[in-house]
Amino acid sequence: MKNLMQKQLLFLAVLMTATIGLQAQHETLFNQARVVGAFGGPITEYGLSNNLSTSVGGGGALVINSFFIGGYGLASADFDQLYDEGDIDVLDIGHGGFWLGGTFQPHKLVHMYGSARLGWGAINIDLNGNTPYRELDKIFVATPEIGVELNLTRWFRLAGTVGYRYVTGVNENRGLTGDDFSGAIAGVTLRFGWFGRRRSNNW
């Protein structure tokens, strides 16, 4: 009888250990990640402070669950000259790099949206090609933003955001600093693509 009870207790212990082991598998970022779509579209930044001029460009990314990761490019110029003369000689600032972000409850009609753009570029870029690359005033740009996004259709989303553009690396010997190109911005992003079918309450 005693041996039978010991065997039963041993069996229960093994069963509990196996059950706990199955339930205690570690979750990691990549074993939960699943590419569910991709998108591309235009991006516009409007300066809210420091007399920042408007920047236009675009980007694209892969959608992984409710996150996305991809790339972007933006440039700012004298658009009055472009409209008046049909041409411009210099870009005030141009940059491109990584674009990552996410949405909260993306299946909702209106939901939270946030992103960060991390890129490299230059200021006062001569579009006539008279300035060698090594002489360009190269910069690093970080632009975090947060706002809301509207699902217009299954393949078209419109986001409105506020954020801050931080610029560093400007050669101050030329009479400019990173502060001249840094400041608060408002953004409008149009995303065209496929965003997946899965509903999620998480980022």
N, C-alpha and C. Protein backbone atom coordinates (compact mmCIF):
# COMPACT_ATOMS: atom_id res chain seq x y z
N MET A 1 0.83 -1.21 0.00
CA MET A 1 0.00 0.00 0.00
C MET A 1 0.86 1.26 0.00
N LYS A 2 1.91 1.22 0.80
CA LYS A 2 2.81 2.36 0.89
C LYS A 2 3.49 2.62 -0.44
N ASN A 3 3.95 1.51 -1.12
CA ASN A 3 4.60 1.66 -2.43
C ASN A 3 3.63 2.21 -3.47
N LEU A 4 2.37 1.81 -3.40
CA LEU A 4 1.37 2.30 -4.33
C LEU A 4 1.16 3.79 -4.15
N MET A 5 1.10 4.26 -2.91
CA MET A 5 0.94 5.69 -2.64
C MET A 5 2.15 6.47 -3.13
N GLN A 6 3.36 5.92 -2.94
CA GLN A 6 4.56 6.60 -3.40
C GLN A 6 4.56 6.75 -4.92
N LYS A 7 4.11 5.66 -5.61
CA LYS A 7 4.05 5.71 -7.07
C LYS A 7 3.03 6.75 -7.55
N GLN A 8 1.90 6.82 -6.84
CA GLN A 8 0.87 7.79 -7.21
C GLN A 8 1.37 9.22 -7.00
N LEU A 9 2.05 9.46 -5.87
CA LEU A 9 2.60 10.78 -5.60
C LEU A 9 3.67 11.16 -6.63
N LEU A 10 4.51 10.16 -7.01
CA LEU A 10 5.54 10.42 -8.01
C LEU A 10 4.91 10.76 -9.35
N PHE A 11 3.84 10.04 -9.72
CA PHE A 11 3.14 10.29 -10.98
C PHE A 11 2.53 11.70 -11.00
N LEU A 12 1.92 12.08 -9.86
CA LEU A 12 1.33 13.43 -9.77
C LEU A 12 2.39 14.51 -9.85
N ALA A 13 3.55 14.27 -9.21
CA ALA A 13 4.64 15.25 -9.25
C ALA A 13 5.16 15.43 -10.67
N VAL A 14 5.34 14.30 -11.38
CA VAL A 14 5.81 14.37 -12.78
C VAL A 14 4.79 15.10 -13.64
N LEU A 15 3.50 14.77 -13.45
CA LEU A 15 2.44 15.41 -14.22
C LEU A 15 2.40 16.90 -13.98
N MET A 16 2.51 17.33 -12.71
CA MET A 16 2.49 18.76 -12.38
C MET A 16 3.70 19.46 -12.95
N THR A 17 4.87 18.83 -12.89
CA THR A 17 6.09 19.43 -13.43
C THR A 17 5.98 19.63 -14.93
N ALA A 18 5.46 18.61 -15.63
CA ALA A 18 5.29 18.72 -17.08
C ALA A 18 4.30 19.83 -17.43
N THR A 19 3.20 19.90 -16.66
CA THR A 19 2.19 20.94 -16.92
C THR A 19 2.75 22.33 -16.71
N ILE A 20 3.47 22.51 -15.60
CA ILE A 20 4.08 23.82 -15.32
C ILE A 20 5.10 24.17 -16.39
N GLY A 21 5.86 23.14 -16.82
CA GLY A 21 6.86 23.39 -17.85
C GLY A 21 6.24 23.85 -19.15
N LEU A 22 5.10 23.26 -19.53
CA LEU A 22 4.42 23.68 -20.75
C LEU A 22 3.88 25.09 -20.63
N GLN A 23 3.37 25.43 -19.44
CA GLN A 23 2.78 26.75 -19.24
C GLN A 23 3.81 27.83 -19.03
N ALA A 24 5.03 27.44 -18.68
CA ALA A 24 6.05 28.44 -18.32
C ALA A 24 7.03 28.70 -19.44
N GLN A 25 6.66 28.36 -20.68
CA GLN A 25 7.55 28.68 -21.78
C GLN A 25 7.70 30.18 -21.89
N HIS A 26 8.91 30.63 -22.10
CA HIS A 26 9.20 32.06 -22.15
C HIS A 26 8.69 32.67 -23.45
N GLU A 27 7.98 33.78 -23.34
CA GLU A 27 7.59 34.54 -24.51
C GLU A 27 8.73 35.48 -24.88
N THR A 28 9.03 35.58 -26.17
CA THR A 28 10.07 36.50 -26.63
C THR A 28 9.47 37.38 -27.72
N LEU A 29 10.21 38.43 -28.06
CA LEU A 29 9.72 39.37 -29.05
C LEU A 29 9.49 38.70 -30.39
N PHE A 30 10.44 37.85 -30.81
CA PHE A 30 10.39 37.35 -32.18
C PHE A 30 9.54 36.11 -32.34
N ASN A 31 9.31 35.32 -31.27
CA ASN A 31 8.44 34.18 -31.48
C ASN A 31 6.97 34.59 -31.49
N GLN A 32 6.67 35.83 -31.12
CA GLN A 32 5.32 36.37 -31.20
C GLN A 32 5.13 37.24 -32.44
N ALA A 33 6.24 37.59 -33.09
CA ALA A 33 6.17 38.52 -34.22
C ALA A 33 5.68 37.80 -35.48
N ARG A 34 4.80 38.49 -36.21
CA ARG A 34 4.26 37.93 -37.44
C ARG A 34 4.00 39.07 -38.41
N VAL A 35 4.60 38.99 -39.58
CA VAL A 35 4.37 40.01 -40.60
C VAL A 35 2.95 39.84 -41.13
N VAL A 36 2.15 40.88 -40.98
CA VAL A 36 0.74 40.80 -41.40
C VAL A 36 0.43 41.73 -42.57
N GLY A 37 1.38 42.58 -42.97
CA GLY A 37 1.10 43.48 -44.07
C GLY A 37 2.25 44.41 -44.36
N ALA A 38 1.99 45.38 -45.21
CA ALA A 38 2.99 46.39 -45.58
C ALA A 38 2.25 47.62 -46.11
N PHE A 39 2.92 48.76 -46.07
CA PHE A 39 2.28 49.99 -46.54
C PHE A 39 3.33 50.97 -47.04
N GLY A 40 2.85 51.98 -47.72
CA GLY A 40 3.68 53.10 -48.15
C GLY A 40 2.81 54.32 -48.28
N GLY A 41 3.43 55.50 -48.31
CA GLY A 41 2.64 56.70 -48.47
C GLY A 41 3.41 57.96 -48.17
N PRO A 42 2.79 59.12 -48.42
CA PRO A 42 3.44 60.41 -48.19
C PRO A 42 3.41 60.84 -46.73
N ILE A 43 4.41 61.63 -46.38
CA ILE A 43 4.55 62.22 -45.04
C ILE A 43 4.75 63.72 -45.20
N THR A 44 4.06 64.50 -44.37
CA THR A 44 4.26 65.95 -44.37
C THR A 44 4.46 66.42 -42.94
N GLU A 45 5.51 67.24 -42.74
CA GLU A 45 5.77 67.84 -41.43
C GLU A 45 5.60 69.35 -41.52
N TYR A 46 4.81 69.91 -40.60
CA TYR A 46 4.60 71.36 -40.54
C TYR A 46 5.27 71.90 -39.29
N GLY A 47 6.08 72.93 -39.43
CA GLY A 47 6.74 73.52 -38.29
C GLY A 47 5.77 74.25 -37.38
N LEU A 48 5.86 74.00 -36.07
CA LEU A 48 5.02 74.68 -35.08
C LEU A 48 5.81 75.70 -34.27
N SER A 49 7.12 75.62 -34.33
CA SER A 49 7.97 76.54 -33.56
C SER A 49 9.27 76.78 -34.31
N ASN A 50 9.98 77.80 -33.88
CA ASN A 50 11.32 78.09 -34.40
C ASN A 50 11.31 78.38 -35.91
N ASN A 51 10.16 78.78 -36.45
CA ASN A 51 10.05 79.12 -37.87
C ASN A 51 10.49 77.98 -38.78
N LEU A 52 10.24 76.76 -38.36
CA LEU A 52 10.60 75.62 -39.20
C LEU A 52 9.73 75.61 -40.45
N SER A 53 10.35 75.33 -41.57
CA SER A 53 9.60 75.26 -42.82
C SER A 53 8.99 73.87 -42.99
N THR A 54 8.06 73.75 -43.90
CA THR A 54 7.38 72.48 -44.16
C THR A 54 8.32 71.49 -44.83
N SER A 55 8.25 70.24 -44.39
CA SER A 55 9.02 69.16 -45.01
C SER A 55 8.05 68.16 -45.62
N VAL A 56 8.39 67.66 -46.79
CA VAL A 56 7.55 66.66 -47.46
C VAL A 56 8.42 65.48 -47.87
N GLY A 57 7.79 64.34 -47.99
CA GLY A 57 8.51 63.14 -48.39
C GLY A 57 7.59 61.95 -48.28
N GLY A 58 8.16 60.80 -47.95
CA GLY A 58 7.35 59.60 -47.85
C GLY A 58 8.13 58.47 -47.22
N GLY A 59 7.46 57.34 -47.10
CA GLY A 59 8.10 56.18 -46.50
C GLY A 59 7.28 54.94 -46.70
N GLY A 60 7.81 53.84 -46.24
CA GLY A 60 7.12 52.57 -46.31
C GLY A 60 7.64 51.64 -45.25
N ALA A 61 6.85 50.62 -44.90
CA ALA A 61 7.26 49.73 -43.82
C ALA A 61 6.51 48.41 -43.89
N LEU A 62 7.05 47.42 -43.18
CA LEU A 62 6.37 46.17 -42.94
C LEU A 62 5.56 46.28 -41.66
N VAL A 63 4.37 45.71 -41.65
CA VAL A 63 3.52 45.70 -40.46
C VAL A 63 3.73 44.36 -39.75
N ILE A 64 4.17 44.42 -38.50
CA ILE A 64 4.42 43.22 -37.70
C ILE A 64 3.51 43.30 -36.48
N ASN A 65 2.44 42.48 -36.49
CA ASN A 65 1.39 42.60 -35.48
C ASN A 65 0.87 44.04 -35.51
N SER A 66 1.00 44.78 -34.43
CA SER A 66 0.54 46.18 -34.42
C SER A 66 1.70 47.16 -34.55
N PHE A 67 2.91 46.65 -34.75
CA PHE A 67 4.07 47.50 -34.95
C PHE A 67 4.37 47.62 -36.44
N PHE A 68 5.22 48.59 -36.78
CA PHE A 68 5.75 48.62 -38.15
C PHE A 68 7.20 49.10 -38.10
N ILE A 69 7.97 48.67 -39.10
CA ILE A 69 9.36 49.07 -39.22
C ILE A 69 9.71 49.18 -40.69
N GLY A 70 10.35 50.29 -41.05
CA GLY A 70 10.69 50.52 -42.45
C GLY A 70 11.63 51.70 -42.60
N GLY A 71 11.44 52.47 -43.67
CA GLY A 71 12.32 53.60 -43.94
C GLY A 71 11.54 54.79 -44.46
N TYR A 72 12.18 55.96 -44.45
CA TYR A 72 11.52 57.20 -44.86
C TYR A 72 12.54 58.13 -45.49
N GLY A 73 12.05 59.19 -46.13
CA GLY A 73 12.87 60.29 -46.63
C GLY A 73 12.07 61.57 -46.60
N LEU A 74 12.67 62.67 -46.13
CA LEU A 74 11.99 63.97 -46.04
C LEU A 74 12.94 65.08 -46.46
N ALA A 75 12.37 66.14 -47.02
CA ALA A 75 13.17 67.29 -47.41
C ALA A 75 12.35 68.56 -47.24
N SER A 76 13.05 69.64 -46.95
CA SER A 76 12.42 70.95 -46.78
C SER A 76 13.12 71.94 -47.70
N ALA A 77 12.33 72.80 -48.33
CA ALA A 77 12.89 73.78 -49.27
C ALA A 77 12.04 75.04 -49.27
N ASP A 78 12.44 76.00 -50.07
CA ASP A 78 11.67 77.23 -50.24
C ASP A 78 10.55 76.94 -51.25
N PHE A 79 9.40 76.52 -50.74
CA PHE A 79 8.31 76.13 -51.63
C PHE A 79 7.69 77.32 -52.35
N ASP A 80 7.81 78.52 -51.79
CA ASP A 80 7.34 79.70 -52.50
C ASP A 80 8.11 79.87 -53.81
N GLN A 81 9.43 79.66 -53.75
CA GLN A 81 10.25 79.73 -54.96
C GLN A 81 9.85 78.64 -55.95
N LEU A 82 9.56 77.44 -55.42
CA LEU A 82 9.16 76.34 -56.28
C LEU A 82 7.86 76.66 -57.02
N TYR A 83 6.89 77.24 -56.28
CA TYR A 83 5.61 77.57 -56.91
C TYR A 83 5.75 78.73 -57.90
N ASP A 84 6.59 79.71 -57.56
CA ASP A 84 6.73 80.89 -58.42
C ASP A 84 7.57 80.61 -59.66
N GLU A 85 8.67 79.86 -59.47
CA GLU A 85 9.63 79.68 -60.55
C GLU A 85 9.64 78.25 -61.12
N GLY A 86 8.98 77.34 -60.44
CA GLY A 86 8.95 75.96 -60.92
C GLY A 86 10.24 75.20 -60.68
N ASP A 87 11.14 75.78 -59.91
CA ASP A 87 12.42 75.14 -59.65
C ASP A 87 13.01 75.68 -58.36
N ILE A 88 13.85 74.89 -57.71
CA ILE A 88 14.56 75.33 -56.51
C ILE A 88 16.03 74.94 -56.64
N ASP A 89 16.88 75.70 -56.00
CA ASP A 89 18.33 75.47 -56.09
C ASP A 89 18.89 74.73 -54.89
N VAL A 90 18.26 74.94 -53.71
CA VAL A 90 18.84 74.42 -52.47
C VAL A 90 17.74 73.80 -51.61
N LEU A 91 18.05 72.66 -51.03
CA LEU A 91 17.20 72.09 -49.99
C LEU A 91 17.68 72.61 -48.64
N ASP A 92 16.76 73.17 -47.84
CA ASP A 92 17.14 73.64 -46.51
C ASP A 92 17.66 72.48 -45.67
N ILE A 93 16.96 71.36 -45.73
CA ILE A 93 17.34 70.17 -44.98
C ILE A 93 16.78 68.94 -45.69
N GLY A 94 17.57 67.89 -45.71
CA GLY A 94 17.12 66.63 -46.29
C GLY A 94 17.65 65.48 -45.45
N HIS A 95 16.82 64.49 -45.19
CA HIS A 95 17.27 63.38 -44.35
C HIS A 95 16.41 62.16 -44.59
N GLY A 96 16.94 60.99 -44.26
CA GLY A 96 16.21 59.74 -44.41
C GLY A 96 16.86 58.67 -43.57
N GLY A 97 16.09 57.63 -43.29
CA GLY A 97 16.62 56.56 -42.45
C GLY A 97 15.54 55.60 -42.02
N PHE A 98 15.59 55.21 -40.76
CA PHE A 98 14.67 54.22 -40.22
C PHE A 98 13.37 54.87 -39.74
N TRP A 99 12.29 54.13 -39.92
CA TRP A 99 10.97 54.58 -39.47
C TRP A 99 10.30 53.42 -38.75
N LEU A 100 9.98 53.62 -37.48
CA LEU A 100 9.32 52.58 -36.71
C LEU A 100 8.22 53.18 -35.85
N GLY A 101 7.21 52.37 -35.57
CA GLY A 101 6.10 52.88 -34.79
C GLY A 101 5.08 51.80 -34.53
N GLY A 102 3.90 52.23 -34.09
CA GLY A 102 2.87 51.26 -33.78
C GLY A 102 1.54 51.93 -33.54
N THR A 103 0.50 51.11 -33.44
CA THR A 103 -0.85 51.59 -33.19
C THR A 103 -1.45 50.80 -32.04
N PHE A 104 -2.36 51.41 -31.33
CA PHE A 104 -3.06 50.75 -30.23
C PHE A 104 -4.51 50.53 -30.64
N GLN A 105 -4.96 49.28 -30.59
CA GLN A 105 -6.29 48.89 -31.05
C GLN A 105 -6.54 49.37 -32.48
N PRO A 106 -5.69 48.91 -33.42
CA PRO A 106 -5.77 49.41 -34.80
C PRO A 106 -7.07 49.06 -35.51
N HIS A 107 -7.86 48.11 -34.98
CA HIS A 107 -9.13 47.77 -35.62
C HIS A 107 -10.21 48.82 -35.33
N LYS A 108 -9.98 49.69 -34.34
CA LYS A 108 -10.94 50.75 -34.03
C LYS A 108 -10.92 51.82 -35.13
N LEU A 109 -12.07 52.46 -35.35
CA LEU A 109 -12.16 53.50 -36.37
C LEU A 109 -11.12 54.59 -36.14
N VAL A 110 -11.03 55.08 -34.90
CA VAL A 110 -10.01 56.07 -34.50
C VAL A 110 -9.21 55.46 -33.38
N HIS A 111 -7.89 55.49 -33.49
CA HIS A 111 -7.04 54.84 -32.50
C HIS A 111 -5.74 55.61 -32.36
N MET A 112 -5.01 55.29 -31.30
CA MET A 112 -3.73 55.95 -31.05
C MET A 112 -2.67 55.48 -32.04
N TYR A 113 -1.79 56.42 -32.38
CA TYR A 113 -0.72 56.16 -33.35
C TYR A 113 0.54 56.84 -32.86
N GLY A 114 1.67 56.19 -32.97
CA GLY A 114 2.94 56.81 -32.61
C GLY A 114 4.05 56.27 -33.48
N SER A 115 5.07 57.10 -33.72
CA SER A 115 6.20 56.64 -34.51
C SER A 115 7.45 57.43 -34.15
N ALA A 116 8.57 56.95 -34.63
CA ALA A 116 9.84 57.66 -34.47
C ALA A 116 10.63 57.48 -35.76
N ARG A 117 11.15 58.58 -36.26
CA ARG A 117 12.01 58.54 -37.45
C ARG A 117 13.43 58.88 -37.02
N LEU A 118 14.36 58.04 -37.39
CA LEU A 118 15.78 58.21 -37.06
C LEU A 118 16.57 58.18 -38.35
N GLY A 119 17.16 59.33 -38.70
CA GLY A 119 17.81 59.39 -40.01
C GLY A 119 19.04 60.26 -40.05
N TRP A 120 19.67 60.25 -41.21
CA TRP A 120 20.88 61.02 -41.46
C TRP A 120 20.68 61.83 -42.73
N GLY A 121 21.32 62.98 -42.81
CA GLY A 121 21.16 63.81 -43.99
C GLY A 121 22.11 64.99 -43.96
N ALA A 122 21.65 66.10 -44.51
CA ALA A 122 22.50 67.29 -44.59
C ALA A 122 21.60 68.52 -44.66
N ILE A 123 22.22 69.69 -44.45
CA ILE A 123 21.51 70.96 -44.58
C ILE A 123 22.12 71.75 -45.73
N ASN A 124 21.32 72.67 -46.27
CA ASN A 124 21.75 73.53 -47.38
C ASN A 124 22.36 72.71 -48.52
N ILE A 125 21.57 71.77 -49.01
CA ILE A 125 22.03 70.87 -50.07
C ILE A 125 21.87 71.55 -51.43
N ASP A 126 22.96 71.73 -52.14
CA ASP A 126 22.96 72.35 -53.46
C ASP A 126 22.46 71.33 -54.49
N LEU A 127 21.28 71.59 -55.06
CA LEU A 127 20.71 70.64 -56.00
C LEU A 127 21.36 70.69 -57.37
N ASN A 128 22.20 71.69 -57.61
CA ASN A 128 22.92 71.77 -58.88
C ASN A 128 24.16 70.89 -58.91
N GLY A 129 24.45 70.27 -57.76
CA GLY A 129 25.57 69.34 -57.72
C GLY A 129 26.94 70.00 -57.65
N ASN A 130 26.97 71.26 -57.24
CA ASN A 130 28.25 71.96 -57.20
C ASN A 130 29.02 71.73 -55.91
N THR A 131 28.36 71.13 -54.90
CA THR A 131 29.01 70.89 -53.62
C THR A 131 29.34 69.40 -53.49
N PRO A 132 30.64 69.04 -53.38
CA PRO A 132 30.99 67.63 -53.21
C PRO A 132 30.38 67.05 -51.94
N TYR A 133 30.12 65.76 -51.95
CA TYR A 133 29.49 65.11 -50.81
C TYR A 133 30.28 65.32 -49.52
N ARG A 134 31.59 65.25 -49.61
CA ARG A 134 32.42 65.38 -48.40
C ARG A 134 32.32 66.75 -47.77
N GLU A 135 31.84 67.74 -48.53
CA GLU A 135 31.73 69.10 -48.00
C GLU A 135 30.33 69.43 -47.49
N LEU A 136 29.40 68.51 -47.64
CA LEU A 136 28.05 68.74 -47.13
C LEU A 136 28.07 68.79 -45.61
N ASP A 137 27.20 69.61 -45.04
CA ASP A 137 27.07 69.71 -43.59
C ASP A 137 26.13 68.60 -43.13
N LYS A 138 26.72 67.48 -42.73
CA LYS A 138 25.94 66.26 -42.45
C LYS A 138 25.34 66.32 -41.03
N ILE A 139 24.16 65.73 -40.89
CA ILE A 139 23.41 65.83 -39.64
C ILE A 139 22.79 64.48 -39.28
N PHE A 140 22.36 64.38 -38.02
CA PHE A 140 21.53 63.27 -37.55
C PHE A 140 20.21 63.87 -37.08
N VAL A 141 19.10 63.20 -37.41
CA VAL A 141 17.77 63.72 -37.10
C VAL A 141 16.95 62.64 -36.40
N ALA A 142 16.32 63.01 -35.28
CA ALA A 142 15.40 62.11 -34.57
C ALA A 142 14.07 62.84 -34.41
N THR A 143 12.98 62.18 -34.80
CA THR A 143 11.66 62.82 -34.75
C THR A 143 10.64 61.87 -34.14
N PRO A 144 10.46 61.92 -32.83
CA PRO A 144 9.36 61.16 -32.22
C PRO A 144 8.05 61.93 -32.37
N GLU A 145 6.94 61.18 -32.51
CA GLU A 145 5.64 61.83 -32.67
C GLU A 145 4.56 60.91 -32.12
N ILE A 146 3.43 61.51 -31.74
CA ILE A 146 2.29 60.74 -31.25
C ILE A 146 1.01 61.46 -31.66
N GLY A 147 -0.04 60.67 -31.90
CA GLY A 147 -1.30 61.28 -32.31
C GLY A 147 -2.38 60.23 -32.47
N VAL A 148 -3.27 60.48 -33.41
CA VAL A 148 -4.38 59.57 -33.66
C VAL A 148 -4.42 59.23 -35.14
N GLU A 149 -5.02 58.07 -35.43
CA GLU A 149 -5.13 57.62 -36.81
C GLU A 149 -6.57 57.23 -37.09
N LEU A 150 -7.01 57.51 -38.32
CA LEU A 150 -8.37 57.22 -38.76
C LEU A 150 -8.33 56.17 -39.85
N ASN A 151 -9.10 55.10 -39.69
CA ASN A 151 -9.22 54.07 -40.72
C ASN A 151 -10.28 54.52 -41.74
N LEU A 152 -9.83 55.01 -42.88
CA LEU A 152 -10.76 55.46 -43.92
C LEU A 152 -11.30 54.26 -44.71
N THR A 153 -10.43 53.34 -45.06
CA THR A 153 -10.82 52.07 -45.67
C THR A 153 -9.90 51.00 -45.11
N ARG A 154 -10.08 49.77 -45.56
CA ARG A 154 -9.20 48.69 -45.08
C ARG A 154 -7.77 48.88 -45.54
N TRP A 155 -7.58 49.65 -46.60
CA TRP A 155 -6.23 49.81 -47.16
C TRP A 155 -5.71 51.25 -47.08
N PHE A 156 -6.44 52.14 -46.41
CA PHE A 156 -6.05 53.55 -46.38
C PHE A 156 -6.29 54.11 -44.98
N ARG A 157 -5.21 54.64 -44.38
CA ARG A 157 -5.29 55.22 -43.05
C ARG A 157 -4.64 56.60 -43.04
N LEU A 158 -5.24 57.48 -42.26
CA LEU A 158 -4.78 58.87 -42.16
C LEU A 158 -4.43 59.18 -40.72
N ALA A 159 -3.17 59.59 -40.47
CA ALA A 159 -2.70 59.89 -39.12
C ALA A 159 -2.37 61.37 -38.99
N GLY A 160 -2.76 61.94 -37.86
CA GLY A 160 -2.38 63.30 -37.51
C GLY A 160 -1.61 63.27 -36.19
N THR A 161 -0.46 63.92 -36.16
CA THR A 161 0.42 63.81 -35.00
C THR A 161 1.03 65.15 -34.61
N VAL A 162 1.57 65.18 -33.40
CA VAL A 162 2.45 66.25 -32.97
C VAL A 162 3.74 65.60 -32.48
N GLY A 163 4.85 66.29 -32.64
CA GLY A 163 6.12 65.70 -32.24
C GLY A 163 7.20 66.76 -32.14
N TYR A 164 8.42 66.28 -32.13
CA TYR A 164 9.56 67.19 -32.02
C TYR A 164 10.68 66.68 -32.92
N ARG A 165 11.22 67.57 -33.73
CA ARG A 165 12.35 67.22 -34.58
C ARG A 165 13.64 67.71 -33.91
N TYR A 166 14.51 66.75 -33.63
CA TYR A 166 15.79 67.05 -32.98
C TYR A 166 16.91 66.84 -33.99
N VAL A 167 17.71 67.88 -34.22
CA VAL A 167 18.80 67.82 -35.20
C VAL A 167 20.12 68.08 -34.50
N THR A 168 21.10 67.24 -34.78
CA THR A 168 22.43 67.42 -34.21
C THR A 168 23.48 67.15 -35.29
N GLY A 169 24.70 67.61 -35.04
CA GLY A 169 25.78 67.39 -35.98
C GLY A 169 26.07 68.56 -36.90
N VAL A 170 25.30 69.65 -36.78
CA VAL A 170 25.49 70.81 -37.64
C VAL A 170 26.85 71.45 -37.36
N ASN A 171 27.56 71.81 -38.41
CA ASN A 171 28.87 72.48 -38.28
C ASN A 171 28.65 73.93 -37.88
N GLU A 172 28.89 74.23 -36.61
CA GLU A 172 28.61 75.57 -36.10
C GLU A 172 29.58 76.61 -36.64
N ASN A 173 30.66 76.19 -37.26
CA ASN A 173 31.61 77.15 -37.86
C ASN A 173 31.01 77.87 -39.06
N ARG A 174 29.90 77.34 -39.56
CA ARG A 174 29.25 77.96 -40.72
C ARG A 174 28.13 78.90 -40.30
N GLY A 175 28.01 79.16 -39.01
CA GLY A 175 27.04 80.12 -38.53
C GLY A 175 25.68 79.56 -38.20
N LEU A 176 25.53 78.25 -38.22
CA LEU A 176 24.26 77.61 -37.89
C LEU A 176 24.47 76.57 -36.80
N THR A 177 23.40 76.25 -36.09
CA THR A 177 23.46 75.20 -35.07
C THR A 177 22.29 74.25 -35.27
N GLY A 178 22.34 73.13 -34.55
CA GLY A 178 21.23 72.18 -34.62
C GLY A 178 19.92 72.78 -34.15
N ASP A 179 20.00 73.76 -33.24
CA ASP A 179 18.79 74.40 -32.73
C ASP A 179 18.03 75.16 -33.81
N ASP A 180 18.74 75.60 -34.85
CA ASP A 180 18.09 76.31 -35.94
C ASP A 180 17.14 75.42 -36.73
N PHE A 181 17.34 74.11 -36.66
CA PHE A 181 16.53 73.17 -37.43
C PHE A 181 15.70 72.25 -36.54
N SER A 182 15.75 72.47 -35.22
CA SER A 182 15.00 71.66 -34.27
C SER A 182 13.77 72.42 -33.79
N GLY A 183 12.73 71.68 -33.45
CA GLY A 183 11.54 72.33 -32.93
C GLY A 183 10.32 71.44 -33.02
N ALA A 184 9.20 71.94 -32.49
CA ALA A 184 7.95 71.21 -32.50
C ALA A 184 7.38 71.15 -33.92
N ILE A 185 6.79 70.02 -34.26
CA ILE A 185 6.20 69.84 -35.58
C ILE A 185 4.82 69.19 -35.46
N ALA A 186 4.00 69.41 -36.46
CA ALA A 186 2.76 68.68 -36.64
C ALA A 186 2.91 67.84 -37.89
N GLY A 187 2.40 66.63 -37.85
CA GLY A 187 2.60 65.74 -38.98
C GLY A 187 1.29 65.19 -39.52
N VAL A 188 1.28 64.95 -40.83
CA VAL A 188 0.17 64.26 -41.49
C VAL A 188 0.78 63.11 -42.30
N THR A 189 0.31 61.90 -42.03
CA THR A 189 0.83 60.72 -42.71
C THR A 189 -0.32 59.93 -43.33
N LEU A 190 -0.19 59.62 -44.60
CA LEU A 190 -1.16 58.78 -45.30
C LEU A 190 -0.52 57.41 -45.51
N ARG A 191 -1.21 56.37 -45.06
CA ARG A 191 -0.66 55.02 -45.20
C ARG A 191 -1.59 54.19 -46.11
N PHE A 192 -1.03 53.72 -47.21
CA PHE A 192 -1.76 52.90 -48.15
C PHE A 192 -1.15 51.50 -48.14
N GLY A 193 -1.97 50.48 -47.92
CA GLY A 193 -1.42 49.14 -47.93
C GLY A 193 -2.35 48.14 -47.27
N TRP A 194 -1.76 47.08 -46.77
CA TRP A 194 -2.50 46.02 -46.10
C TRP A 194 -2.03 45.95 -44.66
N PHE A 195 -2.97 45.95 -43.72
CA PHE A 195 -2.63 46.05 -42.31
C PHE A 195 -3.01 44.81 -41.51
N GLY A 196 -3.41 43.75 -42.19
CA GLY A 196 -3.72 42.50 -41.50
C GLY A 196 -5.17 42.41 -41.07
N ARG A 197 -5.59 41.20 -40.78
CA ARG A 197 -6.97 40.96 -40.36
C ARG A 197 -7.11 40.85 -38.86
N ARG A 198 -6.01 40.54 -38.17
CA ARG A 198 -6.07 40.19 -36.75
C ARG A 198 -6.40 41.40 -35.89
N ARG A 199 -7.38 41.23 -35.00
CA ARG A 199 -7.69 42.28 -34.03
C ARG A 199 -6.80 42.08 -32.83
N SER A 200 -6.28 43.19 -32.32
CA SER A 200 -5.41 43.11 -31.16
C SER A 200 -5.66 44.26 -30.24
N ASN A 201 -5.62 44.02 -28.94
CA ASN A 201 -5.76 45.10 -27.96
C ASN A 201 -4.41 45.62 -27.49
N ASN A 202 -3.37 45.15 -28.12
CA ASN A 202 -2.02 45.53 -27.71
C ASN A 202 -1.33 46.31 -28.79
N TRP A 203 -0.21 46.95 -28.41
CA TRP A 203 0.64 47.61 -29.38
C TRP A 203 1.29 46.55 -30.25
